[in-house]
N, C-alpha and C. Protein backbone atom coordinates (compact mmCIF):
# COMPACT_ATOMS: atom_id res chain seq x y z
N MET A 1 112.34 -61.87 -9.82
CA MET A 1 111.92 -60.78 -10.66
C MET A 1 110.43 -60.96 -10.98
N SER A 2 109.66 -59.90 -10.82
CA SER A 2 108.23 -59.94 -11.14
C SER A 2 108.03 -59.90 -12.65
N ALA A 3 107.09 -60.68 -13.09
CA ALA A 3 106.77 -60.73 -14.51
C ALA A 3 105.87 -59.56 -14.88
N PRO A 4 106.14 -58.92 -16.00
CA PRO A 4 105.25 -57.85 -16.46
C PRO A 4 103.86 -58.43 -16.78
N LYS A 5 102.84 -57.70 -16.38
CA LYS A 5 101.47 -58.16 -16.58
C LYS A 5 101.19 -58.46 -18.05
N HIS A 6 101.71 -57.64 -18.95
CA HIS A 6 101.43 -57.88 -20.38
C HIS A 6 102.05 -59.18 -20.86
N ASP A 7 103.19 -59.59 -20.31
CA ASP A 7 103.79 -60.88 -20.68
C ASP A 7 102.93 -62.04 -20.18
N LEU A 8 102.40 -61.90 -18.97
CA LEU A 8 101.56 -62.96 -18.40
C LEU A 8 100.27 -63.10 -19.21
N LEU A 9 99.66 -61.97 -19.53
CA LEU A 9 98.43 -62.02 -20.33
C LEU A 9 98.69 -62.59 -21.73
N ARG A 10 99.80 -62.21 -22.30
CA ARG A 10 100.17 -62.72 -23.64
C ARG A 10 100.41 -64.23 -23.58
N ALA A 11 101.04 -64.70 -22.52
CA ALA A 11 101.28 -66.14 -22.37
C ALA A 11 99.97 -66.91 -22.32
N VAL A 12 98.98 -66.37 -21.62
CA VAL A 12 97.67 -67.01 -21.56
C VAL A 12 97.02 -67.01 -22.94
N GLU A 13 97.09 -65.88 -23.63
CA GLU A 13 96.54 -65.80 -24.99
C GLU A 13 97.18 -66.83 -25.91
N LEU A 14 98.50 -66.95 -25.82
CA LEU A 14 99.22 -67.91 -26.66
C LEU A 14 98.82 -69.34 -26.32
N ALA A 15 98.67 -69.63 -25.04
CA ALA A 15 98.27 -70.97 -24.63
C ALA A 15 96.88 -71.30 -25.17
N LEU A 16 95.97 -70.34 -25.11
CA LEU A 16 94.63 -70.56 -25.63
C LEU A 16 94.62 -70.77 -27.14
N ALA A 17 95.65 -70.26 -27.82
CA ALA A 17 95.79 -70.44 -29.27
C ALA A 17 96.65 -71.66 -29.60
N ASP A 18 96.92 -72.50 -28.59
CA ASP A 18 97.76 -73.71 -28.76
C ASP A 18 99.18 -73.39 -29.18
N GLU A 19 99.67 -72.23 -28.80
CA GLU A 19 101.06 -71.84 -29.06
C GLU A 19 101.87 -72.08 -27.79
N TRP A 20 102.04 -73.37 -27.45
CA TRP A 20 102.65 -73.76 -26.19
C TRP A 20 104.07 -73.25 -26.05
N ASP A 21 104.89 -73.43 -27.07
CA ASP A 21 106.29 -73.03 -26.98
C ASP A 21 106.43 -71.53 -26.74
N ALA A 22 105.66 -70.74 -27.45
CA ALA A 22 105.73 -69.29 -27.27
C ALA A 22 105.27 -68.89 -25.87
N ALA A 23 104.24 -69.55 -25.36
CA ALA A 23 103.76 -69.26 -24.00
C ALA A 23 104.83 -69.61 -22.98
N HIS A 24 105.48 -70.75 -23.16
CA HIS A 24 106.57 -71.16 -22.27
C HIS A 24 107.69 -70.12 -22.28
N GLN A 25 108.06 -69.67 -23.44
CA GLN A 25 109.16 -68.70 -23.55
C GLN A 25 108.86 -67.41 -22.81
N LEU A 26 107.61 -67.03 -22.75
CA LEU A 26 107.26 -65.80 -22.03
C LEU A 26 107.32 -65.96 -20.52
N VAL A 27 106.93 -67.12 -20.00
CA VAL A 27 106.89 -67.27 -18.53
C VAL A 27 108.18 -67.81 -17.93
N GLN A 28 108.98 -68.53 -18.70
CA GLN A 28 110.19 -69.14 -18.15
C GLN A 28 111.17 -68.15 -17.51
N PRO A 29 111.38 -66.96 -18.06
CA PRO A 29 112.34 -66.06 -17.42
C PRO A 29 111.91 -65.57 -16.04
N TYR A 30 110.65 -65.77 -15.68
CA TYR A 30 110.11 -65.26 -14.42
C TYR A 30 109.79 -66.39 -13.45
N GLU A 31 110.70 -67.34 -13.31
CA GLU A 31 110.40 -68.54 -12.52
C GLU A 31 110.17 -68.25 -11.04
N ASP A 32 110.58 -67.08 -10.54
CA ASP A 32 110.35 -66.75 -9.13
C ASP A 32 109.05 -65.97 -8.92
N ASP A 33 108.34 -65.70 -9.99
CA ASP A 33 107.06 -65.00 -9.90
C ASP A 33 105.95 -66.04 -9.77
N ALA A 34 105.12 -65.93 -8.73
CA ALA A 34 104.10 -66.94 -8.46
C ALA A 34 103.10 -67.08 -9.61
N ILE A 35 102.69 -65.99 -10.21
CA ILE A 35 101.71 -66.07 -11.30
C ILE A 35 102.32 -66.71 -12.53
N ALA A 36 103.56 -66.34 -12.86
CA ALA A 36 104.24 -66.95 -14.00
C ALA A 36 104.44 -68.44 -13.77
N ALA A 37 104.80 -68.82 -12.54
CA ALA A 37 104.98 -70.24 -12.22
C ALA A 37 103.65 -70.98 -12.33
N TRP A 38 102.57 -70.34 -11.91
CA TRP A 38 101.25 -70.97 -12.02
C TRP A 38 100.88 -71.18 -13.48
N ILE A 39 101.10 -70.17 -14.31
CA ILE A 39 100.83 -70.32 -15.75
C ILE A 39 101.68 -71.45 -16.32
N HIS A 40 102.94 -71.50 -15.92
CA HIS A 40 103.85 -72.54 -16.38
C HIS A 40 103.31 -73.92 -15.98
N ALA A 41 102.82 -74.03 -14.73
CA ALA A 41 102.26 -75.30 -14.25
C ALA A 41 101.05 -75.70 -15.09
N VAL A 42 100.18 -74.75 -15.36
CA VAL A 42 98.97 -75.04 -16.15
C VAL A 42 99.35 -75.48 -17.56
N LEU A 43 100.35 -74.82 -18.15
CA LEU A 43 100.80 -75.21 -19.49
C LEU A 43 101.23 -76.67 -19.51
N HIS A 44 102.04 -77.05 -18.53
CA HIS A 44 102.50 -78.44 -18.48
C HIS A 44 101.35 -79.41 -18.23
N LYS A 45 100.41 -79.00 -17.38
CA LYS A 45 99.26 -79.86 -17.11
C LYS A 45 98.44 -80.07 -18.38
N LEU A 46 98.18 -79.00 -19.11
CA LEU A 46 97.41 -79.12 -20.35
C LEU A 46 98.13 -79.96 -21.40
N GLU A 47 99.45 -79.91 -21.37
CA GLU A 47 100.24 -80.71 -22.31
C GLU A 47 100.31 -82.18 -21.90
N GLY A 48 99.86 -82.48 -20.69
CA GLY A 48 99.91 -83.85 -20.19
C GLY A 48 101.22 -84.19 -19.49
N ASP A 49 102.06 -83.20 -19.26
CA ASP A 49 103.34 -83.39 -18.58
C ASP A 49 103.13 -83.16 -17.08
N LEU A 50 102.52 -84.15 -16.43
CA LEU A 50 102.07 -83.98 -15.05
C LEU A 50 103.21 -83.85 -14.04
N SER A 51 104.31 -84.55 -14.26
CA SER A 51 105.41 -84.43 -13.30
C SER A 51 106.00 -83.02 -13.34
N ASN A 52 106.13 -82.46 -14.51
CA ASN A 52 106.64 -81.09 -14.64
C ASN A 52 105.61 -80.10 -14.09
N ALA A 53 104.33 -80.37 -14.31
CA ALA A 53 103.27 -79.51 -13.76
C ALA A 53 103.36 -79.49 -12.24
N ARG A 54 103.54 -80.67 -11.63
CA ARG A 54 103.65 -80.72 -10.17
C ARG A 54 104.84 -79.90 -9.69
N TYR A 55 105.96 -79.96 -10.37
CA TYR A 55 107.13 -79.16 -10.00
C TYR A 55 106.77 -77.67 -9.98
N TRP A 56 106.10 -77.20 -11.02
CA TRP A 56 105.77 -75.77 -11.11
C TRP A 56 104.70 -75.38 -10.10
N TYR A 57 103.77 -76.27 -9.79
CA TYR A 57 102.80 -75.98 -8.73
C TYR A 57 103.52 -75.83 -7.39
N ARG A 58 104.53 -76.67 -7.13
CA ARG A 58 105.33 -76.52 -5.91
C ARG A 58 106.03 -75.16 -5.89
N ARG A 59 106.54 -74.73 -7.05
CA ARG A 59 107.20 -73.41 -7.13
C ARG A 59 106.22 -72.30 -6.77
N VAL A 60 104.97 -72.43 -7.20
CA VAL A 60 103.94 -71.44 -6.87
C VAL A 60 103.80 -71.37 -5.36
N PHE A 61 103.65 -72.54 -4.72
CA PHE A 61 103.48 -72.59 -3.27
C PHE A 61 104.68 -71.98 -2.56
N GLU A 62 105.89 -72.36 -3.00
CA GLU A 62 107.11 -71.83 -2.37
C GLU A 62 107.18 -70.31 -2.52
N SER A 63 106.84 -69.82 -3.69
CA SER A 63 106.89 -68.39 -3.95
C SER A 63 105.89 -67.64 -3.08
N MET A 64 104.71 -68.21 -2.94
CA MET A 64 103.66 -67.57 -2.14
C MET A 64 104.02 -67.57 -0.66
N THR A 65 104.59 -68.67 -0.16
CA THR A 65 104.89 -68.73 1.27
C THR A 65 106.14 -67.92 1.61
N SER A 66 107.09 -67.84 0.70
CA SER A 66 108.29 -67.06 1.00
C SER A 66 108.02 -65.56 0.97
N SER A 67 107.02 -65.13 0.21
CA SER A 67 106.70 -63.71 0.17
C SER A 67 105.70 -63.31 1.24
N ALA A 68 105.15 -64.29 1.95
CA ALA A 68 104.18 -63.97 2.98
C ALA A 68 104.81 -63.35 4.22
N GLY A 69 106.12 -63.56 4.36
CA GLY A 69 106.85 -62.93 5.45
C GLY A 69 106.65 -63.59 6.72
């Protein structure tokens, strides 16, 4: 499912305001959306959760390559 652009933008705004949990809640339902997965990866990286960040970066790659056809 594609993430609505306003949810993605709001997640970035929340992350910039150090509202990590709220940002996570906005992107988590869209785990198959490459942009949402990328935001999720960045959130984990900024939090210092590097293993989880790597997982979400892999999801971005998988999402991008599977949609390339």
